[in-house]
Protein backbone atom coordinates (compact mmCIF):
# COMPACT_ATOMS: atom_id res chain seq x y z
CA MET A 1 139.06 163.02 -228.38
CA ILE A 2 135.79 164.35 -226.75
CA VAL A 3 132.72 162.27 -225.91
CA VAL A 4 129.22 163.54 -226.16
CA THR A 5 126.31 161.28 -225.07
CA GLY A 6 122.93 162.03 -226.05
CA ALA A 7 124.50 163.34 -229.16
CA ALA A 8 121.40 162.82 -231.47
CA GLY A 9 119.22 164.74 -229.06
CA PHE A 10 118.36 168.37 -228.59
CA VAL A 11 121.26 169.67 -226.48
CA GLY A 12 123.61 167.00 -227.47
CA SER A 13 123.41 167.67 -231.24
CA GLY A 14 123.68 171.34 -230.66
CA LEU A 15 126.83 170.72 -228.55
CA VAL A 16 128.35 168.58 -231.43
CA SER A 17 127.63 171.50 -233.84
CA LYS A 18 129.13 174.02 -231.41
CA LEU A 19 132.28 171.88 -230.98
CA ASN A 20 132.64 171.71 -234.74
CA ASP A 21 132.32 175.49 -234.92
CA ILE A 22 135.40 175.93 -232.62
CA GLY A 23 137.40 173.54 -234.63
CA ILE A 24 136.82 170.18 -232.71
CA LYS A 25 135.92 167.19 -234.85
CA ARG A 26 137.50 164.35 -233.00
CA ILE A 27 134.24 163.53 -231.31
CA ILE A 28 132.73 160.23 -230.24
CA ILE A 29 129.00 160.50 -230.32
CA VAL A 30 126.87 158.15 -228.10
CA ASP A 31 123.05 157.69 -228.17
CA ASP A 32 120.24 155.31 -228.98
CA PHE A 33 120.28 155.88 -232.76
CA SER A 34 117.10 153.90 -233.50
CA ASN A 35 114.97 157.04 -233.77
CA ASP A 36 115.18 158.01 -237.38
CA GLU A 37 113.70 161.45 -236.75
CA LYS A 38 116.69 162.32 -234.53
CA GLU A 39 119.03 161.61 -237.44
CA HIS A 40 118.21 164.97 -238.83
CA ASN A 41 120.01 166.55 -235.91
CA LEU A 42 123.30 164.96 -237.06
CA VAL A 43 123.28 165.87 -240.72
CA GLY A 44 126.47 167.72 -241.58
CA LYS A 45 128.05 167.14 -238.13
CA LYS A 46 131.75 166.08 -237.97
CA TYR A 47 132.72 163.24 -235.74
CA ILE A 48 134.83 160.26 -235.80
CA LYS A 49 132.69 157.44 -234.36
CA ARG A 50 129.15 156.70 -233.18
CA ILE A 51 128.53 154.12 -230.43
CA ASP A 52 125.27 152.87 -229.29
CA ARG A 53 124.60 153.80 -225.61
CA THR A 54 124.27 150.15 -224.76
CA GLU A 55 127.81 149.56 -225.97
CA PHE A 56 129.48 152.67 -224.74
CA ILE A 57 130.34 151.68 -221.13
CA ASP A 58 132.31 148.61 -222.47
CA TRP A 59 134.06 150.82 -225.05
CA PHE A 60 134.85 153.39 -222.34
CA LYS A 61 136.55 150.80 -220.29
CA GLU A 62 138.81 149.81 -223.20
CA HIS A 63 139.47 153.35 -224.59
CA GLY A 64 139.23 155.63 -221.57
CA GLU A 65 142.91 156.80 -221.96
CA GLU A 66 142.09 158.29 -225.27
CA VAL A 67 139.36 160.45 -224.07
CA LYS A 68 140.10 164.12 -223.04
CA PHE A 69 136.68 165.36 -222.05
CA ILE A 70 133.17 163.96 -221.56
CA TYR A 71 129.80 165.74 -221.95
CA HIS A 72 127.25 163.39 -220.45
CA ILE A 73 124.11 164.95 -221.88
CA GLY A 74 122.14 161.79 -222.65
CA ALA A 75 119.20 160.78 -220.38
CA ARG A 76 115.63 159.54 -220.26
CA THR A 77 113.84 162.95 -220.02
CA ASP A 78 110.07 162.12 -220.18
CA THR A 79 108.53 163.62 -217.05
CA THR A 80 105.37 161.70 -217.70
CA GLU A 81 107.18 158.33 -217.26
CA PHE A 82 106.63 156.83 -213.82
CA ASP A 83 108.66 153.61 -214.05
CA LYS A 84 111.42 154.27 -211.51
CA GLU A 85 113.31 151.15 -212.85
CA ILE A 86 113.84 152.93 -216.19
CA PHE A 87 115.15 156.02 -214.69
CA ASP A 88 117.39 154.11 -212.26
CA ARG A 89 118.91 152.20 -215.32
CA LEU A 90 119.16 154.98 -217.81
CA ASN A 91 119.81 158.02 -215.79
CA LEU A 92 121.08 157.06 -212.28
CA ASN A 93 123.18 153.83 -212.73
CA TYR A 94 124.38 154.62 -216.25
CA SER A 95 125.75 158.04 -215.01
CA LYS A 96 127.44 156.33 -212.04
CA ASP A 97 129.21 154.12 -214.55
CA ILE A 98 130.39 157.08 -216.62
CA TRP A 99 131.57 158.86 -213.44
CA ARG A 100 133.60 156.02 -212.14
CA TYR A 101 135.45 155.63 -215.42
CA ALA A 102 135.92 159.26 -215.83
CA THR A 103 137.43 159.25 -212.27
CA GLN A 104 139.56 156.27 -213.01
CA TYR A 105 141.03 157.76 -216.18
CA GLY A 106 141.24 161.36 -214.87
CA ILE A 107 138.85 162.79 -217.45
CA PRO A 108 136.84 166.10 -216.86
CA LEU A 109 133.21 165.54 -216.76
CA VAL A 110 130.24 167.71 -217.56
CA TYR A 111 126.87 166.16 -217.08
CA ALA A 112 123.30 167.20 -217.39
CA SER A 113 121.24 167.47 -214.10
CA SER A 114 117.92 169.43 -214.37
CA ALA A 115 115.96 172.23 -212.66
CA ALA A 116 113.22 169.41 -212.27
CA THR A 117 115.32 168.55 -209.13
CA TYR A 118 113.85 171.70 -207.44
CA GLY A 119 110.35 170.54 -207.41
CA LEU A 120 107.83 173.25 -206.54
CA GLY A 121 110.71 175.55 -205.47
CA GLU A 122 110.05 175.20 -201.80
CA HIS A 123 113.63 175.83 -201.13
CA GLY A 124 114.25 178.35 -203.99
CA TYR A 125 116.44 177.77 -207.01
CA ASP A 126 119.77 178.04 -205.55
CA ASP A 127 122.57 175.68 -206.79
CA ASN A 128 124.11 175.56 -203.21
CA HIS A 129 125.27 172.00 -202.52
CA ARG A 130 123.89 172.26 -198.96
CA LEU A 131 120.31 172.25 -200.32
CA VAL A 132 120.41 169.16 -202.49
CA ASN A 133 119.31 166.75 -199.81
CA GLU A 134 116.29 168.92 -198.99
CA LEU A 135 114.92 169.03 -202.56
CA LYS A 136 111.64 167.32 -203.45
CA PRO A 137 111.33 166.68 -207.10
CA LEU A 138 107.87 166.20 -208.56
CA ASN A 139 108.43 163.22 -210.70
CA ALA A 140 110.56 160.15 -211.23
CA TYR A 141 112.70 162.12 -213.79
CA GLY A 142 113.52 164.79 -211.40
CA ASP A 143 114.23 162.10 -208.64
CA SER A 144 116.78 160.30 -210.83
CA LYS A 145 118.63 163.63 -211.62
CA ASN A 146 118.57 164.64 -207.82
CA ASP A 147 119.63 161.04 -206.70
CA PHE A 148 122.69 161.36 -208.95
CA ASP A 149 123.58 164.85 -207.71
CA LYS A 150 123.32 163.57 -204.21
CA TRP A 151 125.48 160.54 -204.98
CA VAL A 152 128.14 162.69 -206.76
CA LEU A 153 128.55 164.90 -203.76
CA THR A 154 129.23 162.01 -201.46
CA GLN A 155 132.11 160.59 -203.65
CA PRO A 156 135.46 160.75 -201.98
CA ILE A 157 137.28 160.52 -205.42
CA LYS A 158 136.12 162.66 -208.29
CA PRO A 159 137.28 163.53 -211.83
CA PRO A 160 139.87 166.40 -211.99
CA PHE A 161 137.03 168.70 -213.00
CA TRP A 162 133.32 168.07 -213.00
CA ALA A 163 130.07 170.15 -213.37
CA GLY A 164 126.52 169.06 -213.12
CA LEU A 165 124.35 171.38 -215.07
CA LYS A 166 120.77 172.13 -213.81
CA PHE A 167 119.11 173.06 -217.16
CA PHE A 168 115.98 175.26 -216.77
CA ASN A 169 113.52 175.66 -219.69
CA VAL A 170 115.64 175.23 -222.67
CA TYR A 171 114.26 176.05 -226.17
CA GLY A 172 115.69 176.34 -229.62
CA PRO A 173 116.40 174.37 -232.78
CA ASN A 174 116.96 170.52 -232.95
CA GLU A 175 114.17 169.76 -230.62
CA TYR A 176 111.75 168.80 -233.52
CA HIS A 177 111.79 165.13 -232.45
CA LYS A 178 110.80 165.75 -228.85
CA GLY A 179 107.00 165.36 -229.20
CA ARG A 180 105.13 166.57 -226.18
CA MET A 181 108.35 167.20 -224.21
CA ALA A 182 109.40 169.99 -226.71
CA SER A 183 109.50 173.64 -225.56
CA VAL A 184 106.47 175.75 -225.37
CA VAL A 185 107.89 177.91 -228.25
CA LEU A 186 107.83 174.98 -230.59
CA HIS A 187 104.39 173.96 -229.58
CA ALA A 188 103.20 177.56 -229.86
CA TYR A 189 104.65 177.95 -233.36
CA ARG A 190 102.89 174.73 -234.48
CA GLN A 191 99.65 175.62 -232.97
CA ILE A 192 99.75 179.18 -234.41
CA THR A 193 100.61 177.89 -237.78
CA ARG A 194 97.80 175.30 -237.76
CA THR A 195 95.00 177.41 -236.09
CA GLY A 196 95.94 180.93 -236.11
CA GLU A 197 95.67 181.13 -232.25
CA LEU A 198 97.39 179.79 -229.16
CA LYS A 199 95.74 178.14 -226.16
CA LEU A 200 97.61 178.55 -222.79
CA PHE A 201 96.87 176.94 -219.46
CA ARG A 202 94.53 178.98 -217.19
CA SER A 203 95.98 179.85 -213.78
CA HIS A 204 94.44 177.87 -210.84
CA ASN A 205 96.51 179.87 -208.35
CA GLU A 206 95.01 183.08 -207.11
CA LYS A 207 98.46 184.76 -206.95
CA TYR A 208 98.79 184.49 -210.72
CA ASP A 209 96.53 185.88 -213.48
CA ASP A 210 95.97 183.66 -216.54
CA GLY A 211 99.15 183.56 -218.66
CA GLU A 212 101.28 185.09 -215.84
CA GLN A 213 102.86 181.88 -214.74
CA LYS A 214 106.56 182.31 -215.02
CA ARG A 215 109.38 180.09 -216.12
CA ASP A 216 113.27 180.74 -216.64
CA PHE A 217 113.51 180.18 -220.38
CA ILE A 218 117.01 179.93 -221.71
CA TYR A 219 117.88 179.72 -225.35
CA ILE A 220 119.86 176.78 -226.58
CA LYS A 221 122.80 178.84 -227.92
CA ASP A 222 123.40 180.33 -224.43
CA VAL A 223 123.39 176.63 -222.95
CA LEU A 224 126.01 175.75 -225.55
CA ASN A 225 128.21 178.80 -224.74
CA ILE A 226 128.12 177.78 -221.03
CA CYS A 227 129.13 174.10 -221.90
CA ILE A 228 132.19 175.41 -223.84
CA PHE A 229 133.17 177.87 -221.21
CA LEU A 230 133.24 175.12 -218.66
CA MET A 231 135.38 172.94 -220.81
CA GLU A 232 137.87 175.65 -221.60
CA LYS A 233 137.97 177.54 -218.23
CA ARG A 234 137.28 174.66 -215.84
CA PRO A 235 136.35 176.83 -212.79
CA GLU A 236 135.54 175.32 -209.45
CA SER A 237 133.74 171.88 -209.73
CA GLY A 238 130.19 171.56 -208.60
CA LEU A 239 126.55 171.98 -209.52
CA TYR A 240 125.66 174.98 -211.81
CA ASN A 241 122.30 176.40 -212.57
CA VAL A 242 122.00 176.92 -216.34
CA GLY A 243 119.16 179.41 -216.74
CA SER A 244 118.83 183.07 -217.91
CA GLY A 245 118.43 184.24 -214.35
CA ARG A 246 115.18 186.00 -215.28
CA ALA A 247 111.70 184.52 -215.13
CA ARG A 248 109.36 185.55 -217.94
CA THR A 249 105.58 184.79 -218.24
CA PHE A 250 104.01 182.31 -220.69
CA LYS A 251 102.03 185.19 -222.09
CA SER A 252 105.22 187.11 -222.93
CA LEU A 253 106.62 183.98 -224.65
CA ALA A 254 103.39 183.68 -226.57
CA VAL A 255 103.19 187.29 -227.68
CA ASN A 256 106.85 187.16 -228.86
CA THR A 257 106.09 184.01 -230.93
CA PHE A 258 103.13 185.76 -232.68
CA HIS A 259 105.32 188.81 -233.36
CA ALA A 260 108.17 186.72 -234.71
CA MET A 261 105.77 185.09 -237.02
CA ASN A 262 104.12 188.35 -238.07
CA ARG A 263 100.71 187.23 -236.84
CA GLU A 264 98.06 188.96 -234.83
CA VAL A 265 98.04 187.89 -231.18
CA GLU A 266 95.12 185.50 -230.48
CA ILE A 267 95.48 183.78 -227.03
CA SER A 268 92.82 181.83 -225.15
CA TYR A 269 92.93 179.92 -221.94
CA ILE A 270 92.14 176.28 -221.17
CA ASP A 271 91.94 174.49 -217.77
CA THR A 272 95.23 172.90 -216.63
CA PRO A 273 94.51 169.18 -216.47
CA ALA A 274 93.32 168.14 -213.14
CA ASP A 275 95.94 165.34 -212.83
CA ILE A 276 98.92 167.78 -212.94
CA ARG A 277 97.48 170.80 -211.12
CA ASP A 278 99.03 169.88 -207.75
CA LYS A 279 102.39 169.48 -209.52
CA TYR A 280 102.35 172.53 -211.70
CA GLN A 281 105.04 175.09 -211.26
CA TYR A 282 103.91 178.70 -211.26
CA PHE A 283 107.37 180.14 -210.92
CA THR A 284 110.98 179.12 -211.67
CA GLU A 285 114.06 181.40 -211.78
CA ALA A 286 117.66 180.29 -211.77
CA LYS A 287 119.94 181.85 -209.31
CA ILE A 288 123.12 182.03 -211.52
CA ASN A 289 125.35 183.89 -209.10
CA LYS A 290 127.77 180.87 -209.10
CA LEU A 291 128.07 180.67 -212.89
CA ILE A 292 128.80 184.46 -213.08
CA SER A 293 131.29 184.26 -210.18
CA ALA A 294 133.01 181.50 -212.00
CA GLY A 295 133.84 183.91 -214.79
CA TYR A 296 131.12 183.43 -217.38
CA THR A 297 130.59 186.83 -219.21
CA GLU A 298 128.88 185.88 -222.40
CA GLY A 299 125.52 187.16 -221.30
CA PHE A 300 122.22 185.77 -222.42
CA HIS A 301 119.67 186.17 -225.13
CA THR A 302 116.49 187.93 -223.97
CA LEU A 303 113.29 186.08 -224.58
CA GLU A 304 112.59 188.44 -227.33
CA GLN A 305 115.89 187.92 -229.00
CA GLY A 306 115.87 184.09 -228.55
CA VAL A 307 112.32 183.59 -229.81
CA GLU A 308 112.97 185.70 -232.82
CA ASP A 309 116.09 183.98 -233.89
CA TYR A 310 114.54 180.55 -233.24
CA VAL A 311 111.33 181.34 -235.23
CA GLU A 312 112.77 183.51 -238.17
CA ASN A 313 116.13 181.49 -238.65
CA TYR A 314 114.97 177.86 -237.90
CA LEU A 315 111.26 177.12 -237.43
CA MET A 316 110.08 179.01 -240.55
CA ASP A 317 112.43 176.97 -242.77
CA GLY A 318 112.67 173.82 -240.73
CA LYS A 319 116.45 174.27 -240.25
CA TYR A 320 118.70 172.69 -237.79
CA LEU A 321 121.56 173.98 -235.70
């Protein structure tokens, strides 16, 4: 059987759907199932058991021999949370426990790291292991992810295959429950639907015009293809950037959202809140050479293709993946 933690969340529920699509239904799903809104993500999914995240480690101790592969996607992902103890407990130490039992039982493990580990990108966006100790995340969430990456790289005994996935800006269906942490595409769609226009942050960096701030946006369907590739092919273990490899502007994302909605483009700019200006990323772009060299050949949705699919096939009808 396969374990998916964070299975009721954005990426996790998409992964359960993808596993079902390729014929895998013996899945243990793990999450905090108290959020009723996330239950919509699981409708129609096939799995054999759901386990609350507080009970999973004890279950894992008892049933590790039955598990063939683990996707540890669950995490506290709120970048506005500042309580380090929460992240130490839910992201760092919980992940260490999963790693230890995966190692003990010889189970391949793919876990969610984050591009938040790169901070302002002072050292670039290269998933080279030698750079991990130099990275300076901008918040407690990024610190927790980088702390686990650093810990993993020091372990003398590891699972037979492992991969830490540094997710960049993922967007797509099943993120309806994420509130302010949802993608810009979802926020744009909702704001355009409500007001007919979209407000973006003004640039406070003379190197960038308003709306020309850039991110590496990656569509959820590409993320899921990469997850399946790693399970099936099991290339060299290590940290892998999961981005499109091409930075695009927020203005481009906005324009494509208007077009997908068949609306006239109406964009205005507001000041970036003063309390986050010194931590605002003006550019991110995943270096994906390692993933490509590992044999990944599926390609990626362009921003145009991804936004169109998301808006027309999911957002307009409130559908789920």
